[in-house]
N, C-alpha and C. Protein backbone atom coordinates (compact mmCIF):
# COMPACT_ATOMS: atom_id res chain seq x y z
N MET A 1 3.61 24.14 -18.03
CA MET A 1 2.79 23.57 -19.21
C MET A 1 2.19 24.71 -20.06
N THR A 2 2.45 24.75 -21.34
CA THR A 2 2.04 25.80 -22.11
C THR A 2 0.88 25.18 -23.14
N GLY A 3 0.11 26.13 -23.46
CA GLY A 3 -1.18 25.47 -24.22
C GLY A 3 -2.30 25.33 -23.42
N ASN A 4 -3.43 25.15 -23.99
CA ASN A 4 -4.51 24.77 -23.08
C ASN A 4 -4.82 23.35 -23.34
N ILE A 5 -5.61 22.71 -22.43
CA ILE A 5 -5.90 21.34 -22.43
C ILE A 5 -6.66 20.80 -23.73
N GLN A 6 -7.27 21.61 -24.53
CA GLN A 6 -7.85 21.27 -25.75
C GLN A 6 -6.97 20.85 -26.78
N THR A 7 -5.63 21.53 -26.80
CA THR A 7 -4.64 21.34 -27.85
C THR A 7 -3.65 20.06 -27.46
N MET A 8 -3.92 19.56 -26.24
CA MET A 8 -2.94 18.54 -25.84
C MET A 8 -3.61 17.12 -26.29
N SER A 9 -2.74 16.24 -26.77
CA SER A 9 -3.04 15.01 -26.96
C SER A 9 -3.70 14.22 -25.93
N ALA A 10 -4.49 13.15 -26.24
CA ALA A 10 -5.22 12.28 -25.19
C ALA A 10 -4.11 11.86 -24.17
N GLU A 11 -3.04 11.28 -24.73
CA GLU A 11 -2.02 10.66 -23.84
C GLU A 11 -1.57 11.80 -22.96
N ASP A 12 -1.14 12.96 -23.48
CA ASP A 12 -0.69 14.09 -22.63
C ASP A 12 -1.73 14.37 -21.52
N GLN A 13 -2.90 14.44 -21.77
CA GLN A 13 -4.01 14.71 -20.95
C GLN A 13 -4.05 13.52 -19.71
N ARG A 14 -3.98 12.29 -20.17
CA ARG A 14 -3.65 11.18 -19.26
C ARG A 14 -2.71 11.38 -18.30
N GLN A 15 -1.42 11.69 -18.93
CA GLN A 15 -0.27 11.86 -18.26
C GLN A 15 -0.37 13.02 -17.13
N GLY A 16 -1.04 13.91 -17.54
CA GLY A 16 -1.23 15.11 -16.64
C GLY A 16 -2.10 14.77 -15.52
N LEU A 17 -3.12 13.93 -15.85
CA LEU A 17 -4.08 13.44 -14.88
C LEU A 17 -3.32 12.53 -13.92
N ARG A 18 -2.56 11.66 -14.26
CA ARG A 18 -1.75 10.75 -13.55
C ARG A 18 -0.97 11.48 -12.59
N GLN A 19 -0.14 12.41 -13.01
CA GLN A 19 0.74 13.28 -12.23
C GLN A 19 -0.04 14.06 -11.28
N GLN A 20 -1.33 14.71 -11.57
CA GLN A 20 -2.06 15.34 -10.58
C GLN A 20 -2.62 14.48 -9.45
N VAL A 21 -3.15 13.19 -9.75
CA VAL A 21 -3.55 12.30 -8.81
C VAL A 21 -2.47 11.90 -7.98
N LEU A 22 -1.16 11.48 -8.71
CA LEU A 22 -0.08 11.24 -7.90
C LEU A 22 0.25 12.19 -6.70
N ALA A 23 0.30 13.54 -7.12
CA ALA A 23 0.62 14.48 -6.14
C ALA A 23 -0.36 14.42 -4.99
N GLU A 24 -1.84 14.32 -5.35
CA GLU A 24 -2.78 14.19 -4.31
C GLU A 24 -2.67 12.89 -3.45
N ALA A 25 -2.36 11.78 -3.97
CA ALA A 25 -2.10 10.60 -3.33
C ALA A 25 -0.86 10.58 -2.36
N MET A 26 0.11 11.34 -2.86
CA MET A 26 1.38 11.60 -2.04
C MET A 26 0.92 12.34 -0.82
N GLU A 27 0.30 13.39 -0.90
CA GLU A 27 -0.15 14.23 0.39
C GLU A 27 -1.07 13.32 1.15
N ALA A 28 -1.98 12.44 0.61
CA ALA A 28 -2.72 11.58 1.39
C ALA A 28 -2.05 10.55 2.16
N LYS A 29 -1.13 9.99 1.56
CA LYS A 29 -0.13 9.14 2.19
C LYS A 29 0.64 9.75 3.35
N ALA A 30 1.16 10.93 3.07
CA ALA A 30 1.79 11.73 3.97
C ALA A 30 0.97 11.90 5.34
N ARG A 31 -0.38 12.10 5.14
CA ARG A 31 -1.29 12.23 6.24
C ARG A 31 -1.72 10.81 7.05
N GLY A 32 -1.07 9.85 6.37
CA GLY A 32 -1.18 8.47 7.00
C GLY A 32 -2.24 7.63 6.39
N ILE A 33 -2.80 8.06 5.16
CA ILE A 33 -3.77 7.21 4.47
C ILE A 33 -2.99 5.99 3.90
N SER A 34 -3.41 4.81 4.02
CA SER A 34 -2.84 3.41 3.58
C SER A 34 -3.03 3.36 2.01
N LEU A 35 -2.33 2.59 1.41
CA LEU A 35 -2.32 2.20 -0.05
C LEU A 35 -3.75 1.85 -0.24
N GLN A 36 -4.31 0.89 0.63
CA GLN A 36 -5.54 0.21 0.38
C GLN A 36 -6.62 1.41 0.46
N ASP A 37 -6.51 2.25 1.27
CA ASP A 37 -7.60 3.34 1.42
C ASP A 37 -7.38 4.47 0.30
N LEU A 38 -6.19 4.47 -0.52
CA LEU A 38 -5.96 5.40 -1.56
C LEU A 38 -6.60 5.02 -2.86
N ILE A 39 -7.06 3.71 -2.97
CA ILE A 39 -7.53 3.00 -4.14
C ILE A 39 -8.81 3.70 -4.56
N PRO A 40 -9.89 3.98 -3.76
CA PRO A 40 -11.04 4.63 -4.07
C PRO A 40 -10.67 5.98 -4.67
N LEU A 41 -9.82 6.64 -4.05
CA LEU A 41 -9.42 8.06 -4.63
C LEU A 41 -8.97 7.93 -5.97
N LEU A 42 -8.09 7.06 -6.33
CA LEU A 42 -7.56 6.64 -7.74
C LEU A 42 -8.74 6.39 -8.65
N HIS A 43 -9.48 5.55 -8.31
CA HIS A 43 -10.69 5.09 -8.92
C HIS A 43 -11.60 6.43 -9.32
N ASP A 44 -11.92 7.08 -8.40
CA ASP A 44 -12.82 8.11 -8.43
C ASP A 44 -12.39 9.38 -9.35
N HIS A 45 -10.91 9.41 -9.40
CA HIS A 45 -10.34 10.37 -10.42
C HIS A 45 -10.30 9.81 -11.85
N GLY A 46 -10.82 8.57 -11.99
CA GLY A 46 -10.90 7.92 -13.27
C GLY A 46 -9.64 7.34 -13.79
N LEU A 47 -8.69 6.82 -12.92
CA LEU A 47 -7.55 6.09 -13.18
C LEU A 47 -8.06 4.64 -13.49
N SER A 48 -7.43 4.02 -14.54
CA SER A 48 -7.63 2.49 -14.73
C SER A 48 -6.98 1.72 -13.78
N ILE A 49 -7.10 0.63 -13.73
CA ILE A 49 -6.39 -0.48 -12.74
C ILE A 49 -4.96 -0.25 -12.97
N VAL A 50 -4.38 -0.23 -14.14
CA VAL A 50 -3.03 -0.19 -14.47
C VAL A 50 -2.42 1.14 -13.96
N GLU A 51 -3.23 2.25 -14.23
CA GLU A 51 -2.73 3.53 -13.87
C GLU A 51 -2.65 3.59 -12.19
N SER A 52 -3.71 2.93 -11.55
CA SER A 52 -3.74 3.03 -10.06
C SER A 52 -2.58 2.15 -9.61
N ILE A 53 -2.19 1.06 -10.31
CA ILE A 53 -1.05 0.48 -9.96
C ILE A 53 0.16 1.10 -9.96
N TRP A 54 0.35 1.91 -11.09
CA TRP A 54 1.46 2.76 -11.30
C TRP A 54 1.62 3.93 -10.23
N VAL A 55 0.54 4.36 -9.94
CA VAL A 55 0.60 5.47 -8.68
C VAL A 55 0.98 4.86 -7.53
N LEU A 56 0.43 3.72 -7.07
CA LEU A 56 0.89 3.00 -5.85
C LEU A 56 2.24 2.55 -5.79
N GLN A 57 2.76 2.34 -6.97
CA GLN A 57 4.19 1.98 -7.18
C GLN A 57 5.11 2.93 -6.85
N GLN A 58 4.62 4.21 -7.26
CA GLN A 58 5.32 5.48 -6.92
C GLN A 58 5.47 5.69 -5.42
N LEU A 59 4.50 5.21 -4.86
CA LEU A 59 4.29 5.60 -3.37
C LEU A 59 4.92 4.46 -2.37
N SER A 60 5.31 3.55 -2.90
CA SER A 60 5.72 2.24 -1.99
C SER A 60 6.83 1.55 -2.72
N ASN A 61 7.29 0.45 -1.90
CA ASN A 61 8.34 -0.32 -2.40
C ASN A 61 7.69 -1.76 -2.61
N ALA A 62 6.44 -1.88 -2.71
CA ALA A 62 5.80 -3.10 -2.89
C ALA A 62 6.08 -3.60 -4.42
N SER A 63 5.98 -4.90 -4.55
CA SER A 63 6.19 -5.41 -5.94
C SER A 63 4.94 -5.25 -6.78
N LEU A 64 5.21 -5.26 -8.16
CA LEU A 64 3.85 -5.12 -9.06
C LEU A 64 2.94 -6.15 -8.70
N VAL A 65 3.39 -7.46 -8.43
CA VAL A 65 2.43 -8.43 -8.09
C VAL A 65 1.62 -8.14 -6.90
N GLU A 66 2.23 -7.65 -5.88
CA GLU A 66 1.63 -7.21 -4.69
C GLU A 66 0.44 -6.13 -4.89
N LEU A 67 0.98 -5.12 -5.68
CA LEU A 67 0.15 -4.02 -5.89
C LEU A 67 -1.12 -4.44 -6.80
N LYS A 68 -0.77 -5.22 -7.83
CA LYS A 68 -1.89 -5.93 -8.62
C LYS A 68 -2.97 -6.58 -7.77
N HIS A 69 -2.53 -7.30 -6.92
CA HIS A 69 -3.46 -7.84 -5.93
C HIS A 69 -4.10 -6.95 -5.16
N LEU A 70 -3.50 -6.02 -4.71
CA LEU A 70 -4.17 -5.01 -3.64
C LEU A 70 -5.10 -4.18 -4.54
N VAL A 71 -4.87 -3.77 -5.74
CA VAL A 71 -5.83 -2.99 -6.52
C VAL A 71 -6.95 -3.86 -7.06
N THR A 72 -6.71 -5.01 -7.66
CA THR A 72 -7.85 -5.81 -8.23
C THR A 72 -8.59 -6.65 -7.14
N GLY A 73 -8.04 -6.64 -5.89
CA GLY A 73 -8.83 -7.37 -4.92
C GLY A 73 -9.68 -6.37 -4.12
N HIS A 74 -9.59 -5.00 -4.53
CA HIS A 74 -10.34 -4.03 -3.68
C HIS A 74 -11.84 -4.20 -4.40
N PRO A 75 -12.70 -3.87 -3.39
CA PRO A 75 -14.21 -4.12 -4.00
C PRO A 75 -14.64 -3.01 -4.94
N ILE A 76 -14.05 -1.89 -4.93
CA ILE A 76 -14.34 -0.88 -6.09
C ILE A 76 -14.07 -1.44 -7.51
N TRP A 77 -13.21 -2.31 -7.62
CA TRP A 77 -12.87 -2.85 -8.84
C TRP A 77 -13.50 -4.12 -9.15
N ALA A 78 -14.39 -4.74 -8.25
CA ALA A 78 -14.82 -6.05 -8.46
C ALA A 78 -15.68 -6.25 -9.73
N ASP A 79 -16.36 -5.37 -10.16
CA ASP A 79 -17.16 -5.49 -11.49
C ASP A 79 -16.21 -5.60 -12.60
N VAL A 80 -15.14 -4.79 -12.78
CA VAL A 80 -14.31 -4.78 -13.77
C VAL A 80 -13.46 -6.10 -13.75
N VAL A 81 -12.98 -6.52 -12.62
CA VAL A 81 -12.27 -7.68 -12.46
C VAL A 81 -13.07 -8.81 -12.83
N GLU A 82 -14.29 -8.96 -12.41
CA GLU A 82 -15.22 -10.11 -12.75
C GLU A 82 -15.50 -10.10 -14.43
N SER A 83 -15.74 -8.93 -14.86
CA SER A 83 -15.99 -8.95 -16.36
C SER A 83 -14.92 -9.20 -17.18
N THR A 84 -13.61 -9.00 -16.76
CA THR A 84 -12.45 -9.39 -17.46
C THR A 84 -11.74 -10.74 -17.30
N GLU A 85 -12.42 -11.50 -16.15
CA GLU A 85 -11.86 -12.76 -15.86
C GLU A 85 -11.81 -13.79 -16.88
N PRO A 86 -12.81 -13.91 -17.73
CA PRO A 86 -12.77 -14.90 -18.78
C PRO A 86 -11.65 -14.52 -19.85
N LEU A 87 -11.44 -13.25 -20.09
CA LEU A 87 -10.35 -12.92 -21.03
C LEU A 87 -8.92 -13.27 -20.29
N HIS A 88 -8.80 -12.93 -19.06
CA HIS A 88 -7.53 -13.14 -18.22
C HIS A 88 -7.43 -14.78 -18.45
N ASP A 89 -8.40 -15.60 -18.03
CA ASP A 89 -8.19 -16.98 -18.12
C ASP A 89 -7.95 -17.50 -19.49
N LYS A 90 -8.40 -16.89 -20.40
CA LYS A 90 -8.06 -17.47 -21.89
C LYS A 90 -6.66 -17.04 -22.14
N LEU A 91 -6.21 -15.87 -21.83
CA LEU A 91 -4.76 -15.41 -22.07
C LEU A 91 -3.81 -16.34 -21.21
N GLU A 92 -4.16 -16.63 -20.05
CA GLU A 92 -3.17 -17.65 -19.22
C GLU A 92 -3.20 -19.03 -19.89
N SER A 93 -4.43 -19.49 -20.44
CA SER A 93 -4.30 -20.79 -21.13
C SER A 93 -3.43 -20.82 -22.28
N LEU A 94 -3.50 -19.70 -23.04
CA LEU A 94 -2.77 -19.62 -24.25
C LEU A 94 -1.27 -19.47 -24.09
N SER A 95 -0.98 -18.90 -22.70
CA SER A 95 0.48 -18.80 -22.57
C SER A 95 1.25 -20.02 -22.17
N GLY A 96 0.61 -21.17 -21.99
CA GLY A 96 1.26 -22.48 -21.72
C GLY A 96 1.65 -22.48 -20.27
N PRO A 97 2.51 -23.49 -20.08
CA PRO A 97 2.82 -23.96 -18.67
C PRO A 97 3.79 -22.74 -18.11
N ALA A 98 3.61 -22.45 -17.04
CA ALA A 98 4.59 -21.22 -16.42
C ALA A 98 5.73 -21.72 -15.88
N GLY A 99 6.90 -20.94 -16.05
CA GLY A 99 8.23 -21.56 -15.61
C GLY A 99 8.39 -20.81 -14.10
N ASN A 100 9.16 -19.86 -14.18
CA ASN A 100 9.67 -19.06 -13.07
C ASN A 100 8.88 -17.93 -12.79
N GLU A 101 7.45 -18.23 -12.54
CA GLU A 101 6.45 -17.13 -12.36
C GLU A 101 6.77 -16.61 -10.92
N GLU A 102 6.56 -15.48 -10.63
CA GLU A 102 6.61 -14.91 -9.22
C GLU A 102 5.45 -15.40 -8.49
N ASP A 103 5.58 -15.67 -7.28
CA ASP A 103 4.43 -15.99 -6.59
C ASP A 103 3.29 -15.09 -6.63
N GLU A 104 2.00 -15.50 -6.96
CA GLU A 104 0.98 -14.57 -7.18
C GLU A 104 0.02 -14.50 -5.95
N SER A 105 0.41 -15.33 -4.82
CA SER A 105 -0.51 -15.33 -3.81
C SER A 105 -0.49 -13.82 -2.96
N PRO A 106 -1.80 -13.48 -2.61
CA PRO A 106 -1.83 -12.06 -2.04
C PRO A 106 -0.91 -12.07 -0.75
N ARG A 107 -0.41 -10.89 -0.54
CA ARG A 107 0.40 -10.76 0.63
C ARG A 107 0.01 -9.43 1.43
N GLN A 108 0.28 -9.32 2.76
CA GLN A 108 0.17 -8.10 3.33
C GLN A 108 1.21 -7.04 2.91
N ILE A 109 0.82 -5.78 2.55
CA ILE A 109 1.57 -4.81 2.15
C ILE A 109 1.91 -3.91 3.15
N ARG A 110 3.03 -3.53 3.40
CA ARG A 110 3.43 -2.47 4.57
C ARG A 110 3.32 -1.02 3.76
N THR A 111 2.61 -0.21 4.44
CA THR A 111 2.32 1.10 3.87
C THR A 111 3.01 2.05 4.76
């Protein structure tokens, strides 16, 4: 990487952060840390829910639905999930009847 962080765009900085946290999460997983136990690490590094799901996707073969439930079901994200629930409900109501949606029931994820 050339140049200093001040000349990088905000998106480049976020990408760098995601890659740095991914490397740290890979090391932690190699030491036997579960995906569930990695979530606070991702949160503490300032990753969003979506970014946390992306990191966990890089580390596992779990589906996006499974990872979404794992991350949003973690107590560390409870305030964010609760505060965005009305918006989520509104978006669901606007999307109309669901056709071939993937089952969104929480599942145990092998790590």
